[in-house]
Amino acid sequence: MRNLRYLNAKHVNFHGIFQSFPALKWLQLNNCHFDSPPSGFNLNMAVILDIYKTNIAQILINQLTKAGK
């Protein structure tokens, strides 16, 4: 899945890594849940990020806050 450029997931609980999607340009997650920050979560190529009702933003903010302490 190295060439995957669009990922749309709804009502999914994610576990594991995101390193398999280096070319991802459009990430759409609706009502998805993450237990912890995904390993390898790299959005350098992303153009569109739709994370409606997803806890990933808060998890990443918490991770950055802890790293800054």
PDB file of N, CA and C in Angstrom:
ATOM      1  N   MET A   1       0.816  -1.203   0.000  1.00  0.00           N
ATOM      2  CA  MET A   1       0.000   0.000   0.000  1.00  0.00           C
ATOM      3  C   MET A   1       0.858   1.264   0.000  1.00  0.00           C
ATOM      4  N   ARG A   2       2.043   1.165  -0.451  1.00  0.00           N
ATOM      5  CA  ARG A   2       2.951   2.309  -0.429  1.00  0.00           C
ATOM      6  C   ARG A   2       2.482   3.448  -1.320  1.00  0.00           C
ATOM      7  N   ASN A   3       1.682   3.155  -2.333  1.00  0.00           N
ATOM      8  CA  ASN A   3       1.219   4.189  -3.253  1.00  0.00           C
ATOM      9  C   ASN A   3      -0.183   4.693  -2.933  1.00  0.00           C
ATOM     10  N   LEU A   4      -0.755   4.250  -1.827  1.00  0.00           N
ATOM     11  CA  LEU A   4      -2.096   4.691  -1.436  1.00  0.00           C
ATOM     12  C   LEU A   4      -2.089   6.198  -1.205  1.00  0.00           C
ATOM     13  N   ARG A   5      -3.018   6.898  -1.859  1.00  0.00           N
ATOM     14  CA  ARG A   5      -3.052   8.359  -1.732  1.00  0.00           C
ATOM     15  C   ARG A   5      -4.318   8.857  -1.064  1.00  0.00           C
ATOM     16  N   TYR A   6      -5.340   8.001  -0.927  1.00  0.00           N
ATOM     17  CA  TYR A   6      -6.597   8.406  -0.295  1.00  0.00           C
ATOM     18  C   TYR A   6      -7.041   7.309   0.660  1.00  0.00           C
ATOM     19  N   LEU A   7      -7.312   7.680   1.903  1.00  0.00           N
ATOM     20  CA  LEU A   7      -7.802   6.730   2.898  1.00  0.00           C
ATOM     21  C   LEU A   7      -9.020   7.332   3.570  1.00  0.00           C
ATOM     22  N   ASN A   8     -10.143   6.628   3.504  1.00  0.00           N
ATOM     23  CA  ASN A   8     -11.394   7.053   4.119  1.00  0.00           C
ATOM     24  C   ASN A   8     -11.839   5.946   5.058  1.00  0.00           C
ATOM     25  N   ALA A   9     -11.921   6.245   6.345  1.00  0.00           N
ATOM     26  CA  ALA A   9     -12.344   5.260   7.334  1.00  0.00           C
ATOM     27  C   ALA A   9     -13.435   5.866   8.206  1.00  0.00           C
ATOM     28  N   LYS A  10     -14.442   5.051   8.506  1.00  0.00           N
ATOM     29  CA  LYS A  10     -15.545   5.501   9.360  1.00  0.00           C
ATOM     30  C   LYS A  10     -15.777   4.471  10.456  1.00  0.00           C
ATOM     31  N   HIS A  11     -15.883   4.952  11.691  1.00  0.00           N
ATOM     32  CA  HIS A  11     -16.177   4.111  12.857  1.00  0.00           C
ATOM     33  C   HIS A  11     -15.167   2.964  12.993  1.00  0.00           C
ATOM     34  N   VAL A  12     -13.884   3.309  12.947  1.00  0.00           N
ATOM     35  CA  VAL A  12     -12.816   2.319  13.038  1.00  0.00           C
ATOM     36  C   VAL A  12     -11.968   2.618  14.265  1.00  0.00           C
ATOM     37  N   ASN A  13     -11.558   1.576  14.974  1.00  0.00           N
ATOM     38  CA  ASN A  13     -10.602   1.716  16.068  1.00  0.00           C
ATOM     39  C   ASN A  13      -9.234   1.334  15.521  1.00  0.00           C
ATOM     40  N   PHE A  14      -8.294   2.265  15.556  1.00  0.00           N
ATOM     41  CA  PHE A  14      -6.977   2.030  14.980  1.00  0.00           C
ATOM     42  C   PHE A  14      -5.993   1.549  16.030  1.00  0.00           C
ATOM     43  N   HIS A  15      -5.184   0.579  15.637  1.00  0.00           N
ATOM     44  CA  HIS A  15      -4.071   0.076  16.443  1.00  0.00           C
ATOM     45  C   HIS A  15      -2.920  -0.148  15.470  1.00  0.00           C
ATOM     46  N   GLY A  16      -1.725   0.171  15.869  1.00  0.00           N
ATOM     47  CA  GLY A  16      -0.592  -0.132  15.009  1.00  0.00           C
ATOM     48  C   GLY A  16       0.069   1.073  14.391  1.00  0.00           C
ATOM     49  N   ILE A  17       0.541   0.865  13.169  1.00  0.00           N
ATOM     50  CA  ILE A  17       1.412   1.858  12.549  1.00  0.00           C
ATOM     51  C   ILE A  17       0.821   2.436  11.263  1.00  0.00           C
ATOM     52  N   PHE A  18       1.295   3.618  10.904  1.00  0.00           N
ATOM     53  CA  PHE A  18       0.885   4.290   9.677  1.00  0.00           C
ATOM     54  C   PHE A  18       2.044   4.387   8.689  1.00  0.00           C
ATOM     55  N   GLN A  19       3.135   3.702   8.921  1.00  0.00           N
ATOM     56  CA  GLN A  19       4.304   3.812   8.054  1.00  0.00           C
ATOM     57  C   GLN A  19       4.047   3.266   6.655  1.00  0.00           C
ATOM     58  N   SER A  20       2.977   2.517   6.476  1.00  0.00           N
ATOM     59  CA  SER A  20       2.678   1.904   5.182  1.00  0.00           C
ATOM     60  C   SER A  20       2.061   2.878   4.194  1.00  0.00           C
ATOM     61  N   PHE A  21       1.858   4.123   4.591  1.00  0.00           N
ATOM     62  CA  PHE A  21       1.181   5.096   3.742  1.00  0.00           C
ATOM     63  C   PHE A  21       2.040   6.347   3.506  1.00  0.00           C
ATOM     64  N   PRO A  22       3.230   6.222   2.944  1.00  0.00           N
ATOM     65  CA  PRO A  22       4.091   7.396   2.793  1.00  0.00           C
ATOM     66  C   PRO A  22       3.606   8.406   1.753  1.00  0.00           C
ATOM     67  N   ALA A  23       2.747   7.986   0.824  1.00  0.00           N
ATOM     68  CA  ALA A  23       2.287   8.880  -0.242  1.00  0.00           C
ATOM     69  C   ALA A  23       0.877   9.416   0.010  1.00  0.00           C
ATOM     70  N   LEU A  24       0.357   9.204   1.216  1.00  0.00           N
ATOM     71  CA  LEU A  24      -1.018   9.593   1.525  1.00  0.00           C
ATOM     72  C   LEU A  24      -1.206  11.105   1.385  1.00  0.00           C
ATOM     73  N   LYS A  25      -2.165  11.497   0.551  1.00  0.00           N
ATOM     74  CA  LYS A  25      -2.443  12.911   0.319  1.00  0.00           C
ATOM     75  C   LYS A  25      -3.767  13.343   0.936  1.00  0.00           C
ATOM     76  N   TRP A  26      -4.692  12.408   1.093  1.00  0.00           N
ATOM     77  CA  TRP A  26      -6.024  12.734   1.605  1.00  0.00           C
ATOM     78  C   TRP A  26      -6.363  11.709   2.675  1.00  0.00           C
ATOM     79  N   LEU A  27      -6.508  12.171   3.900  1.00  0.00           N
ATOM     80  CA  LEU A  27      -6.862  11.306   5.020  1.00  0.00           C
ATOM     81  C   LEU A  27      -8.193  11.766   5.576  1.00  0.00           C
ATOM     82  N   GLN A  28      -9.174  10.887   5.522  1.00  0.00           N
ATOM     83  CA  GLN A  28     -10.514  11.206   6.011  1.00  0.00           C
ATOM     84  C   GLN A  28     -10.890  10.168   7.065  1.00  0.00           C
ATOM     85  N   LEU A  29     -10.967  10.615   8.311  1.00  0.00           N
ATOM     86  CA  LEU A  29     -11.315   9.743   9.427  1.00  0.00           C
ATOM     87  C   LEU A  29     -12.541  10.323  10.116  1.00  0.00           C
ATOM     88  N   ASN A  30     -13.634   9.599  10.100  1.00  0.00           N
ATOM     89  CA  ASN A  30     -14.868  10.059  10.737  1.00  0.00           C
ATOM     90  C   ASN A  30     -15.264   9.091  11.837  1.00  0.00           C
ATOM     91  N   ASN A  31     -15.397   9.605  13.060  1.00  0.00           N
ATOM     92  CA  ASN A  31     -15.774   8.800  14.216  1.00  0.00           C
ATOM     93  C   ASN A  31     -14.806   7.638  14.430  1.00  0.00           C
ATOM     94  N   CYS A  32     -13.514   7.908  14.301  1.00  0.00           N
ATOM     95  CA  CYS A  32     -12.496   6.885  14.513  1.00  0.00           C
ATOM     96  C   CYS A  32     -11.825   7.112  15.864  1.00  0.00           C
ATOM     97  N   HIS A  33     -11.305   6.048  16.441  1.00  0.00           N
ATOM     98  CA  HIS A  33     -10.712   6.129  17.771  1.00  0.00           C
ATOM     99  C   HIS A  33      -9.286   5.577  17.742  1.00  0.00           C
ATOM    100  N   PHE A  34      -8.390   6.295  18.389  1.00  0.00           N
ATOM    101  CA  PHE A  34      -7.008   5.856  18.554  1.00  0.00           C
ATOM    102  C   PHE A  34      -6.744   5.677  20.039  1.00  0.00           C
ATOM    103  N   ASP A  35      -6.118   4.549  20.408  1.00  0.00           N
ATOM    104  CA  ASP A  35      -5.749   4.313  21.804  1.00  0.00           C
ATOM    105  C   ASP A  35      -4.499   5.097  22.186  1.00  0.00           C
ATOM    106  N   SER A  36      -3.623   5.309  21.235  1.00  0.00           N
ATOM    107  CA  SER A  36      -2.374   6.030  21.473  1.00  0.00           C
ATOM    108  C   SER A  36      -1.928   6.649  20.149  1.00  0.00           C
ATOM    109  N   PRO A  37      -0.928   7.516  20.196  1.00  0.00           N
ATOM    110  CA  PRO A  37      -0.449   8.099  18.939  1.00  0.00           C
ATOM    111  C   PRO A  37       0.038   6.996  17.996  1.00  0.00           C
ATOM    112  N   PRO A  38      -0.399   7.018  16.761  1.00  0.00           N
ATOM    113  CA  PRO A  38       0.035   5.977  15.832  1.00  0.00           C
ATOM    114  C   PRO A  38       1.527   6.096  15.525  1.00  0.00           C
ATOM    115  N   SER A  39       2.196   4.978  15.511  1.00  0.00           N
ATOM    116  CA  SER A  39       3.613   4.952  15.183  1.00  0.00           C
ATOM    117  C   SER A  39       3.785   5.248  13.698  1.00  0.00           C
ATOM    118  N   GLY A  40       4.698   6.128  13.376  1.00  0.00           N
ATOM    119  CA  GLY A  40       4.959   6.452  11.981  1.00  0.00           C
ATOM    120  C   GLY A  40       3.918   7.340  11.343  1.00  0.00           C
ATOM    121  N   PHE A  41       3.140   8.046  12.149  1.00  0.00           N
ATOM    122  CA  PHE A  41       2.081   8.922  11.629  1.00  0.00           C
ATOM    123  C   PHE A  41       2.734  10.148  11.020  1.00  0.00           C
ATOM    124  N   ASN A  42       2.900  10.144   9.704  1.00  0.00           N
ATOM    125  CA  ASN A  42       3.609  11.197   8.993  1.00  0.00           C
ATOM    126  C   ASN A  42       2.690  11.774   7.927  1.00  0.00           C
ATOM    127  N   LEU A  43       2.374  13.042   8.038  1.00  0.00           N
ATOM    128  CA  LEU A  43       1.466  13.685   7.094  1.00  0.00           C
ATOM    129  C   LEU A  43       2.178  14.705   6.219  1.00  0.00           C
ATOM    130  N   ASN A  44       3.453  14.487   5.959  1.00  0.00           N
ATOM    131  CA  ASN A  44       4.219  15.435   5.149  1.00  0.00           C
ATOM    132  C   ASN A  44       3.645  15.621   3.755  1.00  0.00           C
ATOM    133  N   MET A  45       3.035  14.599   3.185  1.00  0.00           N
ATOM    134  CA  MET A  45       2.488  14.670   1.830  1.00  0.00           C
ATOM    135  C   MET A  45       1.002  15.031   1.829  1.00  0.00           C
ATOM    136  N   ALA A  46       0.370  15.071   2.998  1.00  0.00           N
ATOM    137  CA  ALA A  46      -1.079  15.287   3.071  1.00  0.00           C
ATOM    138  C   ALA A  46      -1.469  16.685   2.614  1.00  0.00           C
ATOM    139  N   VAL A  47      -2.543  16.740   1.853  1.00  0.00           N
ATOM    140  CA  VAL A  47      -3.106  17.995   1.383  1.00  0.00           C
ATOM    141  C   VAL A  47      -4.453  18.231   2.056  1.00  0.00           C
ATOM    142  N   ILE A  48      -5.200  17.147   2.257  1.00  0.00           N
ATOM    143  CA  ILE A  48      -6.522  17.231   2.880  1.00  0.00           C
ATOM    144  C   ILE A  48      -6.532  16.337   4.112  1.00  0.00           C
ATOM    145  N   LEU A  49      -6.950  16.901   5.239  1.00  0.00           N
ATOM    146  CA  LEU A  49      -7.053  16.162   6.494  1.00  0.00           C
ATOM    147  C   LEU A  49      -8.429  16.429   7.082  1.00  0.00           C
ATOM    148  N   ASP A  50      -9.280  15.415   7.084  1.00  0.00           N
ATOM    149  CA  ASP A  50     -10.639  15.516   7.616  1.00  0.00           C
ATOM    150  C   ASP A  50     -10.740  14.533   8.773  1.00  0.00           C
ATOM    151  N   ILE A  51     -10.772  15.045  10.006  1.00  0.00           N
ATOM    152  CA  ILE A  51     -10.759  14.178  11.190  1.00  0.00           C
ATOM    153  C   ILE A  51     -11.970  14.441  12.072  1.00  0.00           C
ATOM    154  N   TYR A  52     -13.132  14.478  11.471  1.00  0.00           N
ATOM    155  CA  TYR A  52     -14.382  14.779  12.159  1.00  0.00           C
ATOM    156  C   TYR A  52     -14.692  13.734  13.229  1.00  0.00           C
ATOM    157  N   LYS A  53     -14.925  14.197  14.453  1.00  0.00           N
ATOM    158  CA  LYS A  53     -15.250  13.343  15.601  1.00  0.00           C
ATOM    159  C   LYS A  53     -14.230  12.225  15.798  1.00  0.00           C
ATOM    160  N   THR A  54     -12.957  12.587  15.677  1.00  0.00           N
ATOM    161  CA  THR A  54     -11.864  11.643  15.864  1.00  0.00           C
ATOM    162  C   THR A  54     -10.953  12.185  16.954  1.00  0.00           C
ATOM    163  N   ASN A  55     -10.438  11.320  17.799  1.00  0.00           N
ATOM    164  CA  ASN A  55      -9.626  11.774  18.921  1.00  0.00           C
ATOM    165  C   ASN A  55      -8.145  11.935  18.581  1.00  0.00           C
ATOM    166  N   ILE A  56      -7.756  11.780  17.337  1.00  0.00           N
ATOM    167  CA  ILE A  56      -6.339  11.843  16.981  1.00  0.00           C
ATOM    168  C   ILE A  56      -5.727  13.216  17.249  1.00  0.00           C
ATOM    169  N   ALA A  57      -6.462  14.275  17.018  1.00  0.00           N
ATOM    170  CA  ALA A  57      -5.913  15.617  17.248  1.00  0.00           C
ATOM    171  C   ALA A  57      -5.538  15.797  18.717  1.00  0.00           C
ATOM    172  N   GLN A  58      -6.405  15.398  19.621  1.00  0.00           N
ATOM    173  CA  GLN A  58      -6.129  15.541  21.048  1.00  0.00           C
ATOM    174  C   GLN A  58      -4.961  14.657  21.476  1.00  0.00           C
ATOM    175  N   ILE A  59      -4.882  13.472  20.938  1.00  0.00           N
ATOM    176  CA  ILE A  59      -3.770  12.576  21.270  1.00  0.00           C
ATOM    177  C   ILE A  59      -2.441  13.179  20.817  1.00  0.00           C
ATOM    178  N   LEU A  60      -2.404  13.736  19.612  1.00  0.00           N
ATOM    179  CA  LEU A  60      -1.165  14.347  19.118  1.00  0.00           C
ATOM    180  C   LEU A  60      -0.797  15.592  19.910  1.00  0.00           C
ATOM    181  N   ILE A  61      -1.784  16.391  20.306  1.00  0.00           N
ATOM    182  CA  ILE A  61      -1.529  17.570  21.145  1.00  0.00           C
ATOM    183  C   ILE A  61      -0.955  17.143  22.489  1.00  0.00           C
ATOM    184  N   ASN A  62      -1.535  16.116  23.092  1.00  0.00           N
ATOM    185  CA  ASN A  62      -1.033  15.608  24.373  1.00  0.00           C
ATOM    186  C   ASN A  62       0.407  15.114  24.238  1.00  0.00           C
ATOM    187  N   GLN A  63       0.706  14.451  23.131  1.00  0.00           N
ATOM    188  CA  GLN A  63       2.056  13.951  22.900  1.00  0.00           C
ATOM    189  C   GLN A  63       3.049  15.107  22.774  1.00  0.00           C
ATOM    190  N   LEU A  64       2.682  16.152  22.046  1.00  0.00           N
ATOM    191  CA  LEU A  64       3.563  17.315  21.896  1.00  0.00           C
ATOM    192  C   LEU A  64       3.765  18.037  23.222  1.00  0.00           C
ATOM    193  N   THR A  65       2.703  18.128  24.021  1.00  0.00           N
ATOM    194  CA  THR A  65       2.792  18.780  25.326  1.00  0.00           C
ATOM    195  C   THR A  65       3.756  18.025  26.241  1.00  0.00           C
ATOM    196  N   LYS A  66       3.656  16.694  26.243  1.00  0.00           N
ATOM    197  CA  LYS A  66       4.550  15.882  27.071  1.00  0.00           C
ATOM    198  C   LYS A  66       5.997  16.005  26.600  1.00  0.00           C
ATOM    199  N   ALA A  67       6.198  16.083  25.293  1.00  0.00           N
ATOM    200  CA  ALA A  67       7.553  16.187  24.744  1.00  0.00           C
ATOM    201  C   ALA A  67       8.189  17.530  25.093  1.00  0.00           C
ATOM    202  N   GLY A  68       7.369  18.561  25.253  1.00  0.00           N
ATOM    203  CA  GLY A  68       7.879  19.895  25.567  1.00  0.00           C
ATOM    204  C   GLY A  68       8.210  20.098  27.027  1.00  0.00           C
ATOM    205  N   LYS A  69       7.853  19.173  27.887  1.00  0.00           N
ATOM    206  CA  LYS A  69       8.112  19.316  29.327  1.00  0.00           C
ATOM    207  C   LYS A  69       9.512  18.922  29.676  1.00  0.00           C
TER     208      LYS A  69
END
